[in-house]
Amino acid sequence: MDKLRLTNHIKDIDLKNKMFRVIDKANSTIKNYDVRQTDFLNPFEIKNAIDILNSNSDIKYTVDGGYDNAERSTIFIYPYYMEYEEIENNLKFIQIEGNFKFKSISHKDYLGAIMNLGIKREKIGDIIIHDNFCQIIVSNDICDFIIMNLNKVSRNNVNLFEICKNEIKYNPPNYKEISFTVSSGRLDCIISGLYNISRQDSMKYINGERVQVNYEKITSPSKEVKSESLISVRGKGRAKVVQVGDITKKGRIKVQAKLMV
């Protein structure tokens, strides 16, 4: 599979490099008839990878995030004559428990504690938050390391142990509903309204490549945001833009949204 030809349409360097790694794994499967597994990818990256993998009939693939509602998933790539059920699944499942009565622990706290061990984000799948514990999907090669070395999350002592796939309990994230008005549906205006910051500050996040819309990195402040868009701003959190629509008497646009809490 020709890496340059298959990624010629991709302008984002980070995305292109990730697709290079996917193609390398696919080429290994074609050459050696072995099974390869990608790092965890977000839905936009998965979409791009699938478009690439569909160009070759000598391989098959399966997207698996560990449970039905997974956001981040890995792709197993294997020869065309194999079935997914024949493959050893290298996903592992960890439960983290602690005494969290006096402080709520966020997704950011759990992710930060794991990454402080020197683990890259690409090795970590979904982090499912519950009241008194969380469950994490990880790749096989880092499971034992996390269990042995992670003992605190946000200054709270924690206990870790491996669980089975069927013990994973999906818990949708909590959102706080908000509404505001903007002069335009541009991304910089929407971010300003979502996080109650100036447009100048929202531009800094966009220009600093810290903004994603529907998991795609966006660097243009003039991008029009549509209803049902998922916006992520590194350092500020996530939000769902439910509706961009009605016009006020003063000519401003009403926006209904949900902030992840």
C-alpha atoms as a PDB file:
ATOM      1  CA  MET A   1       0.000   0.000   0.000  1.00  0.00           C
ATOM      2  CA  ASP A   2       1.434   3.336  -1.119  1.00  0.00           C
ATOM      3  CA  LYS A   3       1.562   5.647   1.919  1.00  0.00           C
ATOM      4  CA  LEU A   4       2.020   8.878  -0.008  1.00  0.00           C
ATOM      5  CA  ARG A   5      -0.756   8.192  -2.499  1.00  0.00           C
ATOM      6  CA  LEU A   6      -3.251   7.051   0.120  1.00  0.00           C
ATOM      7  CA  THR A   7      -2.648  10.070   2.371  1.00  0.00           C
ATOM      8  CA  ASN A   8      -2.152  12.732  -0.280  1.00  0.00           C
ATOM      9  CA  HIS A   9      -5.504  14.335   0.585  1.00  0.00           C
ATOM     10  CA  ILE A  10      -4.670  14.709   4.303  1.00  0.00           C
ATOM     11  CA  LYS A  11      -3.263  18.122   5.231  1.00  0.00           C
ATOM     12  CA  ASP A  12      -2.997  17.721   9.008  1.00  0.00           C
ATOM     13  CA  ILE A  13       0.496  16.407   9.758  1.00  0.00           C
ATOM     14  CA  ASP A  14      -0.479  14.600  12.972  1.00  0.00           C
ATOM     15  CA  LEU A  15      -3.317  12.791  11.231  1.00  0.00           C
ATOM     16  CA  LYS A  16      -1.112  11.946   8.249  1.00  0.00           C
ATOM     17  CA  ASN A  17       1.539  10.421  10.547  1.00  0.00           C
ATOM     18  CA  LYS A  18      -1.089   8.313  12.305  1.00  0.00           C
ATOM     19  CA  MET A  19      -2.354   7.059   8.959  1.00  0.00           C
ATOM     20  CA  PHE A  20       1.248   6.247   7.960  1.00  0.00           C
ATOM     21  CA  ARG A  21       1.430   3.966  11.012  1.00  0.00           C
ATOM     22  CA  VAL A  22      -1.880   2.313  10.088  1.00  0.00           C
ATOM     23  CA  ILE A  23      -0.589   1.656   6.563  1.00  0.00           C
ATOM     24  CA  ASP A  24       2.676   0.247   7.937  1.00  0.00           C
ATOM     25  CA  LYS A  25       0.685  -2.267   9.965  1.00  0.00           C
ATOM     26  CA  ALA A  26      -1.476  -3.149   6.973  1.00  0.00           C
ATOM     27  CA  ASN A  27       1.622  -3.690   4.824  1.00  0.00           C
ATOM     28  CA  SER A  28       3.057  -5.982   7.490  1.00  0.00           C
ATOM     29  CA  THR A  29      -0.145  -8.041   7.423  1.00  0.00           C
ATOM     30  CA  ILE A  30       0.006  -8.256   3.618  1.00  0.00           C
ATOM     31  CA  LYS A  31       3.662  -9.289   3.652  1.00  0.00           C
ATOM     32  CA  ASN A  32       3.780 -11.602   6.676  1.00  0.00           C
ATOM     33  CA  TYR A  33       0.157 -12.807   6.958  1.00  0.00           C
ATOM     34  CA  ASP A  34       0.129 -11.744  10.605  1.00  0.00           C
ATOM     35  CA  VAL A  35      -2.305  -9.831  12.813  1.00  0.00           C
ATOM     36  CA  ARG A  36      -1.611  -6.203  13.645  1.00  0.00           C
ATOM     37  CA  GLN A  37      -3.303  -3.778  16.001  1.00  0.00           C
ATOM     38  CA  THR A  38      -3.305   0.017  15.805  1.00  0.00           C
ATOM     39  CA  ASP A  39      -3.133   2.424  18.713  1.00  0.00           C
ATOM     40  CA  PHE A  40      -6.433   3.817  19.994  1.00  0.00           C
ATOM     41  CA  LEU A  41      -7.937   6.293  17.541  1.00  0.00           C
ATOM     42  CA  ASN A  42     -10.786   8.767  17.803  1.00  0.00           C
ATOM     43  CA  PRO A  43     -13.819   8.491  15.476  1.00  0.00           C
ATOM     44  CA  PHE A  44     -12.436  10.935  12.890  1.00  0.00           C
ATOM     45  CA  GLU A  45      -9.138   9.051  12.761  1.00  0.00           C
ATOM     46  CA  ILE A  46     -11.030   5.745  12.525  1.00  0.00           C
ATOM     47  CA  LYS A  47     -12.998   7.089   9.551  1.00  0.00           C
ATOM     48  CA  ASN A  48      -9.804   8.074   7.729  1.00  0.00           C
ATOM     49  CA  ALA A  49      -8.167   4.721   8.518  1.00  0.00           C
ATOM     50  CA  ILE A  50     -11.179   2.773   7.226  1.00  0.00           C
ATOM     51  CA  ASP A  51     -11.146   4.713   3.950  1.00  0.00           C
ATOM     52  CA  ILE A  52      -7.502   3.685   3.521  1.00  0.00           C
ATOM     53  CA  LEU A  53      -7.917   0.041   4.560  1.00  0.00           C
ATOM     54  CA  ASN A  54     -10.885  -0.417   2.225  1.00  0.00           C
ATOM     55  CA  SER A  55      -8.537   0.159  -0.719  1.00  0.00           C
ATOM     56  CA  ASN A  56      -6.941  -3.285  -0.347  1.00  0.00           C
ATOM     57  CA  SER A  57      -8.812  -6.602  -0.617  1.00  0.00           C
ATOM     58  CA  ASP A  58      -5.960  -8.724   0.785  1.00  0.00           C
ATOM     59  CA  ILE A  59      -6.717  -7.638   4.327  1.00  0.00           C
ATOM     60  CA  LYS A  60      -9.694  -7.529   6.654  1.00  0.00           C
ATOM     61  CA  TYR A  61     -10.108  -5.344   9.722  1.00  0.00           C
ATOM     62  CA  THR A  62     -12.291  -4.945  12.794  1.00  0.00           C
ATOM     63  CA  VAL A  63     -12.800  -1.778  14.837  1.00  0.00           C
ATOM     64  CA  ASP A  64     -12.990  -2.581  18.548  1.00  0.00           C
ATOM     65  CA  GLY A  65     -13.064  -0.235  21.523  1.00  0.00           C
ATOM     66  CA  GLY A  66     -13.854  -2.872  24.113  1.00  0.00           C
ATOM     67  CA  TYR A  67     -17.602  -2.220  24.453  1.00  0.00           C
ATOM     68  CA  ASP A  68     -20.555  -1.171  22.332  1.00  0.00           C
ATOM     69  CA  ASN A  69     -20.521   2.562  23.053  1.00  0.00           C
ATOM     70  CA  ALA A  70     -16.767   3.042  22.774  1.00  0.00           C
ATOM     71  CA  GLU A  71     -15.584   6.391  21.482  1.00  0.00           C
ATOM     72  CA  ARG A  72     -11.899   5.580  21.130  1.00  0.00           C
ATOM     73  CA  SER A  73     -11.167   2.305  19.371  1.00  0.00           C
ATOM     74  CA  THR A  74      -8.323   0.244  18.004  1.00  0.00           C
ATOM     75  CA  ILE A  75      -8.301  -1.465  14.612  1.00  0.00           C
ATOM     76  CA  PHE A  76      -7.280  -5.107  14.281  1.00  0.00           C
ATOM     77  CA  ILE A  77      -5.878  -5.799  10.806  1.00  0.00           C
ATOM     78  CA  TYR A  78      -5.607  -9.418   9.644  1.00  0.00           C
ATOM     79  CA  PRO A  79      -5.372 -11.535   6.447  1.00  0.00           C
ATOM     80  CA  TYR A  80      -8.490 -11.834   4.293  1.00  0.00           C
ATOM     81  CA  TYR A  81      -8.917 -15.558   5.036  1.00  0.00           C
ATOM     82  CA  MET A  82      -9.153 -15.105   8.826  1.00  0.00           C
ATOM     83  CA  GLU A  83     -12.157 -14.284  10.994  1.00  0.00           C
ATOM     84  CA  TYR A  84     -12.045 -11.855  13.907  1.00  0.00           C
ATOM     85  CA  GLU A  85     -13.170 -14.563  16.326  1.00  0.00           C
ATOM     86  CA  GLU A  86      -9.904 -16.415  15.629  1.00  0.00           C
ATOM     87  CA  ILE A  87      -7.765 -13.509  16.798  1.00  0.00           C
ATOM     88  CA  GLU A  88      -6.439 -13.106  20.316  1.00  0.00           C
ATOM     89  CA  ASN A  89      -7.915  -9.841  21.578  1.00  0.00           C
ATOM     90  CA  ASN A  90      -5.214  -7.701  23.171  1.00  0.00           C
ATOM     91  CA  LEU A  91      -7.511  -5.217  24.878  1.00  0.00           C
ATOM     92  CA  LYS A  92      -7.383  -5.113  28.670  1.00  0.00           C
ATOM     93  CA  PHE A  93      -9.794  -3.640  31.195  1.00  0.00           C
ATOM     94  CA  ILE A  94      -8.821  -1.943  34.455  1.00  0.00           C
ATOM     95  CA  GLN A  95     -10.984  -0.764  37.339  1.00  0.00           C
ATOM     96  CA  ILE A  96      -9.766   2.046  39.603  1.00  0.00           C
ATOM     97  CA  GLU A  97     -11.377   2.407  43.018  1.00  0.00           C
ATOM     98  CA  GLY A  98     -10.831   4.879  45.840  1.00  0.00           C
ATOM     99  CA  ASN A  99     -12.458   6.983  48.522  1.00  0.00           C
ATOM    100  CA  PHE A 100     -13.883   9.860  46.499  1.00  0.00           C
ATOM    101  CA  LYS A 101     -16.511  11.083  48.994  1.00  0.00           C
ATOM    102  CA  PHE A 102     -14.947  14.488  49.519  1.00  0.00           C
ATOM    103  CA  LYS A 103     -13.857  15.319  45.986  1.00  0.00           C
ATOM    104  CA  SER A 104     -15.282  14.371  42.627  1.00  0.00           C
ATOM    105  CA  ILE A 105     -12.672  12.948  40.270  1.00  0.00           C
ATOM    106  CA  SER A 106     -12.918  13.955  36.630  1.00  0.00           C
ATOM    107  CA  HIS A 107     -11.921  12.356  33.345  1.00  0.00           C
ATOM    108  CA  LYS A 108      -9.032  14.832  33.221  1.00  0.00           C
ATOM    109  CA  ASP A 109      -7.790  13.668  36.654  1.00  0.00           C
ATOM    110  CA  TYR A 110      -7.735   9.997  35.667  1.00  0.00           C
ATOM    111  CA  LEU A 111      -6.150  10.649  32.283  1.00  0.00           C
ATOM    112  CA  GLY A 112      -3.533  12.955  33.786  1.00  0.00           C
ATOM    113  CA  ALA A 113      -2.572  10.414  36.459  1.00  0.00           C
ATOM    114  CA  ILE A 114      -2.026   7.704  33.836  1.00  0.00           C
ATOM    115  CA  MET A 115      -0.104   9.934  31.450  1.00  0.00           C
ATOM    116  CA  ASN A 116       2.119  11.087  34.330  1.00  0.00           C
ATOM    117  CA  LEU A 117       3.428   7.509  34.357  1.00  0.00           C
ATOM    118  CA  GLY A 118       4.927   8.225  30.944  1.00  0.00           C
ATOM    119  CA  ILE A 119       2.150   6.529  28.965  1.00  0.00           C
ATOM    120  CA  LYS A 120       1.073   8.069  25.677  1.00  0.00           C
ATOM    121  CA  ARG A 121      -2.559   8.969  25.048  1.00  0.00           C
ATOM    122  CA  GLU A 122      -2.664   6.583  22.082  1.00  0.00           C
ATOM    123  CA  LYS A 123      -2.300   3.601  24.418  1.00  0.00           C
ATOM    124  CA  ILE A 124      -5.428   4.485  26.369  1.00  0.00           C
ATOM    125  CA  GLY A 125      -8.977   3.887  25.201  1.00  0.00           C
ATOM    126  CA  ASP A 126     -12.138   5.128  26.871  1.00  0.00           C
ATOM    127  CA  ILE A 127     -12.208   6.196  30.512  1.00  0.00           C
ATOM    128  CA  ILE A 128     -15.665   5.479  31.925  1.00  0.00           C
ATOM    129  CA  ILE A 129     -16.414   7.508  35.049  1.00  0.00           C
ATOM    130  CA  HIS A 130     -18.698   6.245  37.834  1.00  0.00           C
ATOM    131  CA  ASP A 131     -19.384   7.736  41.287  1.00  0.00           C
ATOM    132  CA  ASN A 132     -16.863   5.680  43.244  1.00  0.00           C
ATOM    133  CA  PHE A 133     -14.722   4.114  40.560  1.00  0.00           C
ATOM    134  CA  CYS A 134     -13.762   4.284  36.927  1.00  0.00           C
ATOM    135  CA  GLN A 135     -13.071   1.712  34.241  1.00  0.00           C
ATOM    136  CA  ILE A 136     -10.380   2.082  31.595  1.00  0.00           C
ATOM    137  CA  ILE A 137      -9.699   0.198  28.370  1.00  0.00           C
ATOM    138  CA  VAL A 138      -5.995  -0.075  27.560  1.00  0.00           C
ATOM    139  CA  SER A 139      -3.692  -2.047  25.289  1.00  0.00           C
ATOM    140  CA  ASN A 140      -2.259  -5.291  26.603  1.00  0.00           C
ATOM    141  CA  ASP A 141       1.349  -4.061  26.756  1.00  0.00           C
ATOM    142  CA  ILE A 142       0.693  -1.390  29.400  1.00  0.00           C
ATOM    143  CA  CYS A 143      -1.994  -3.031  31.566  1.00  0.00           C
ATOM    144  CA  ASP A 144       0.305  -4.571  34.194  1.00  0.00           C
ATOM    145  CA  PHE A 145       2.503  -1.467  34.292  1.00  0.00           C
ATOM    146  CA  ILE A 146      -0.476   0.764  35.135  1.00  0.00           C
ATOM    147  CA  ILE A 147      -1.761  -1.617  37.811  1.00  0.00           C
ATOM    148  CA  MET A 148       1.648  -1.808  39.482  1.00  0.00           C
ATOM    149  CA  ASN A 149       2.538   1.887  39.323  1.00  0.00           C
ATOM    150  CA  LEU A 150      -0.624   3.967  39.621  1.00  0.00           C
ATOM    151  CA  ASN A 151      -1.413   4.551  43.302  1.00  0.00           C
ATOM    152  CA  LYS A 152      -2.846   8.072  43.391  1.00  0.00           C
ATOM    153  CA  VAL A 153      -5.384  10.048  41.365  1.00  0.00           C
ATOM    154  CA  SER A 154      -5.655  13.737  42.269  1.00  0.00           C
ATOM    155  CA  ARG A 155      -4.052  13.093  45.700  1.00  0.00           C
ATOM    156  CA  ASN A 156      -6.478  10.255  46.430  1.00  0.00           C
ATOM    157  CA  ASN A 157      -5.115   6.786  47.123  1.00  0.00           C
ATOM    158  CA  VAL A 158      -6.504   4.257  44.662  1.00  0.00           C
ATOM    159  CA  ASN A 159      -6.626   0.519  44.143  1.00  0.00           C
ATOM    160  CA  LEU A 160      -6.396  -1.015  40.683  1.00  0.00           C
ATOM    161  CA  PHE A 161      -7.253  -4.448  39.384  1.00  0.00           C
ATOM    162  CA  GLU A 162      -7.957  -6.076  36.061  1.00  0.00           C
ATOM    163  CA  ILE A 163     -11.558  -6.917  35.189  1.00  0.00           C
ATOM    164  CA  CYS A 164     -13.264  -8.854  32.397  1.00  0.00           C
ATOM    165  CA  LYS A 165     -14.839  -7.301  29.328  1.00  0.00           C
ATOM    166  CA  ASN A 166     -18.344  -8.216  30.459  1.00  0.00           C
ATOM    167  CA  GLU A 167     -17.828  -6.181  33.660  1.00  0.00           C
ATOM    168  CA  ILE A 168     -17.563  -2.920  31.727  1.00  0.00           C
ATOM    169  CA  LYS A 169     -20.496  -0.640  32.579  1.00  0.00           C
ATOM    170  CA  TYR A 170     -21.230   2.208  30.212  1.00  0.00           C
ATOM    171  CA  ASN A 171     -22.019   5.493  31.931  1.00  0.00           C
ATOM    172  CA  PRO A 172     -22.805   8.424  29.628  1.00  0.00           C
ATOM    173  CA  PRO A 173     -21.048  11.683  30.564  1.00  0.00           C
ATOM    174  CA  ASN A 174     -22.884  14.355  32.520  1.00  0.00           C
ATOM    175  CA  TYR A 175     -23.682  17.611  30.761  1.00  0.00           C
ATOM    176  CA  LYS A 176     -24.736  21.056  31.954  1.00  0.00           C
ATOM    177  CA  GLU A 177     -27.193  22.800  29.644  1.00  0.00           C
ATOM    178  CA  ILE A 178     -26.380  26.380  28.658  1.00  0.00           C
ATOM    179  CA  SER A 179     -27.669  28.942  26.169  1.00  0.00           C
ATOM    180  CA  PHE A 180     -26.156  32.110  24.767  1.00  0.00           C
ATOM    181  CA  THR A 181     -26.211  34.342  21.708  1.00  0.00           C
ATOM    182  CA  VAL A 182     -23.483  35.053  19.181  1.00  0.00           C
ATOM    183  CA  SER A 183     -23.020  37.517  16.365  1.00  0.00           C
ATOM    184  CA  SER A 184     -22.004  34.724  13.989  1.00  0.00           C
ATOM    185  CA  GLY A 185     -21.882  30.927  13.772  1.00  0.00           C
ATOM    186  CA  ARG A 186     -18.098  31.063  13.324  1.00  0.00           C
ATOM    187  CA  LEU A 187     -16.047  28.733  15.494  1.00  0.00           C
ATOM    188  CA  ASP A 188     -14.305  31.538  17.378  1.00  0.00           C
ATOM    189  CA  CYS A 189     -17.676  33.062  18.320  1.00  0.00           C
ATOM    190  CA  ILE A 190     -19.120  29.718  19.425  1.00  0.00           C
ATOM    191  CA  ILE A 191     -16.084  28.887  21.583  1.00  0.00           C
ATOM    192  CA  SER A 192     -16.246  32.335  23.150  1.00  0.00           C
ATOM    193  CA  GLY A 193     -19.882  31.733  24.118  1.00  0.00           C
ATOM    194  CA  LEU A 194     -19.388  28.149  25.270  1.00  0.00           C
ATOM    195  CA  TYR A 195     -16.579  28.863  27.696  1.00  0.00           C
ATOM    196  CA  ASN A 196     -17.343  32.515  28.497  1.00  0.00           C
ATOM    197  CA  ILE A 197     -14.041  33.775  27.159  1.00  0.00           C
ATOM    198  CA  SER A 198     -13.148  36.581  24.774  1.00  0.00           C
ATOM    199  CA  ARG A 199     -12.970  35.988  21.042  1.00  0.00           C
ATOM    200  CA  GLN A 200      -9.294  36.892  21.265  1.00  0.00           C
ATOM    201  CA  ASP A 201      -8.747  34.046  23.739  1.00  0.00           C
ATOM    202  CA  SER A 202     -10.783  31.639  21.621  1.00  0.00           C
ATOM    203  CA  MET A 203      -8.556  32.533  18.658  1.00  0.00           C
ATOM    204  CA  LYS A 204      -5.506  31.568  20.724  1.00  0.00           C
ATOM    205  CA  TYR A 205      -6.917  28.082  21.283  1.00  0.00           C
ATOM    206  CA  ILE A 206      -7.761  27.685  17.601  1.00  0.00           C
ATOM    207  CA  ASN A 207      -4.421  29.006  16.338  1.00  0.00           C
ATOM    208  CA  GLY A 208      -2.644  26.844  18.923  1.00  0.00           C
ATOM    209  CA  GLU A 209      -4.213  23.725  17.352  1.00  0.00           C
ATOM    210  CA  ARG A 210      -6.080  22.934  20.560  1.00  0.00           C
ATOM    211  CA  VAL A 211      -9.592  22.771  19.070  1.00  0.00           C
ATOM    212  CA  GLN A 212     -11.429  19.848  17.519  1.00  0.00           C
ATOM    213  CA  VAL A 213     -14.856  19.823  15.907  1.00  0.00           C
ATOM    214  CA  ASN A 214     -16.328  16.343  15.633  1.00  0.00           C
ATOM    215  CA  TYR A 215     -12.853  15.014  16.510  1.00  0.00           C
ATOM    216  CA  GLU A 216     -11.206  16.835  13.588  1.00  0.00           C
ATOM    217  CA  LYS A 217      -8.515  19.389  14.403  1.00  0.00           C
ATOM    218  CA  ILE A 218      -9.657  22.808  13.165  1.00  0.00           C
ATOM    219  CA  THR A 219      -7.304  25.769  12.752  1.00  0.00           C
ATOM    220  CA  SER A 220      -9.667  28.126  10.930  1.00  0.00           C
ATOM    221  CA  PRO A 221     -11.627  30.475  13.229  1.00  0.00           C
ATOM    222  CA  SER A 222     -14.097  31.169  10.412  1.00  0.00           C
ATOM    223  CA  LYS A 223     -15.389  27.588  10.250  1.00  0.00           C
ATOM    224  CA  GLU A 224     -19.170  27.564  10.563  1.00  0.00           C
ATOM    225  CA  VAL A 225     -20.399  25.418  13.438  1.00  0.00           C
ATOM    226  CA  LYS A 226     -23.520  23.371  12.773  1.00  0.00           C
ATOM    227  CA  SER A 227     -26.100  21.965  15.156  1.00  0.00           C
ATOM    228  CA  GLU A 228     -25.159  18.663  16.831  1.00  0.00           C
ATOM    229  CA  SER A 229     -21.423  19.416  16.596  1.00  0.00           C
ATOM    230  CA  LEU A 230     -19.095  18.111  19.291  1.00  0.00           C
ATOM    231  CA  ILE A 231     -16.440  20.660  20.228  1.00  0.00           C
ATOM    232  CA  SER A 232     -13.339  19.912  22.260  1.00  0.00           C
ATOM    233  CA  VAL A 233     -10.949  22.600  23.488  1.00  0.00           C
ATOM    234  CA  ARG A 234      -7.812  21.292  25.163  1.00  0.00           C
ATOM    235  CA  GLY A 235      -7.641  22.871  28.599  1.00  0.00           C
ATOM    236  CA  LYS A 236     -11.315  23.882  28.643  1.00  0.00           C
ATOM    237  CA  GLY A 237     -13.199  20.630  28.116  1.00  0.00           C
ATOM    238  CA  ARG A 238     -15.889  19.394  25.772  1.00  0.00           C
ATOM    239  CA  ALA A 239     -19.244  20.679  24.684  1.00  0.00           C
ATOM    240  CA  LYS A 240     -22.106  19.577  22.470  1.00  0.00           C
ATOM    241  CA  VAL A 241     -23.656  22.320  20.360  1.00  0.00           C
ATOM    242  CA  VAL A 242     -27.265  21.177  20.321  1.00  0.00           C
ATOM    243  CA  GLN A 243     -28.734  23.883  18.116  1.00  0.00           C
ATOM    244  CA  VAL A 244     -27.526  26.932  16.241  1.00  0.00           C
ATOM    245  CA  GLY A 245     -30.664  28.615  15.038  1.00  0.00           C
ATOM    246  CA  ASP A 246     -33.152  31.281  15.974  1.00  0.00           C
ATOM    247  CA  ILE A 247     -32.370  34.953  15.473  1.00  0.00           C
ATOM    248  CA  THR A 248     -33.053  37.477  18.260  1.00  0.00           C
ATOM    249  CA  LYS A 249     -34.668  40.885  17.694  1.00  0.00           C
ATOM    250  CA  LYS A 250     -31.177  42.368  17.789  1.00  0.00           C
ATOM    251  CA  GLY A 251     -30.018  40.077  15.006  1.00  0.00           C
ATOM    252  CA  ARG A 252     -27.925  37.719  17.145  1.00  0.00           C
ATOM    253  CA  ILE A 253     -27.983  33.949  16.797  1.00  0.00           C
ATOM    254  CA  LYS A 254     -29.331  31.804  19.645  1.00  0.00           C
ATOM    255  CA  VAL A 255     -27.217  28.783  20.608  1.00  0.00           C
ATOM    256  CA  GLN A 256     -28.229  25.884  22.833  1.00  0.00           C
ATOM    257  CA  ALA A 257     -25.395  23.718  24.104  1.00  0.00           C
ATOM    258  CA  LYS A 258     -24.285  21.237  26.731  1.00  0.00           C
ATOM    259  CA  LEU A 259     -21.012  21.486  28.619  1.00  0.00           C
ATOM    260  CA  MET A 260     -19.476  18.255  29.847  1.00  0.00           C
ATOM    261  CA  VAL A 261     -19.000  18.362  33.620  1.00  0.00           C
END
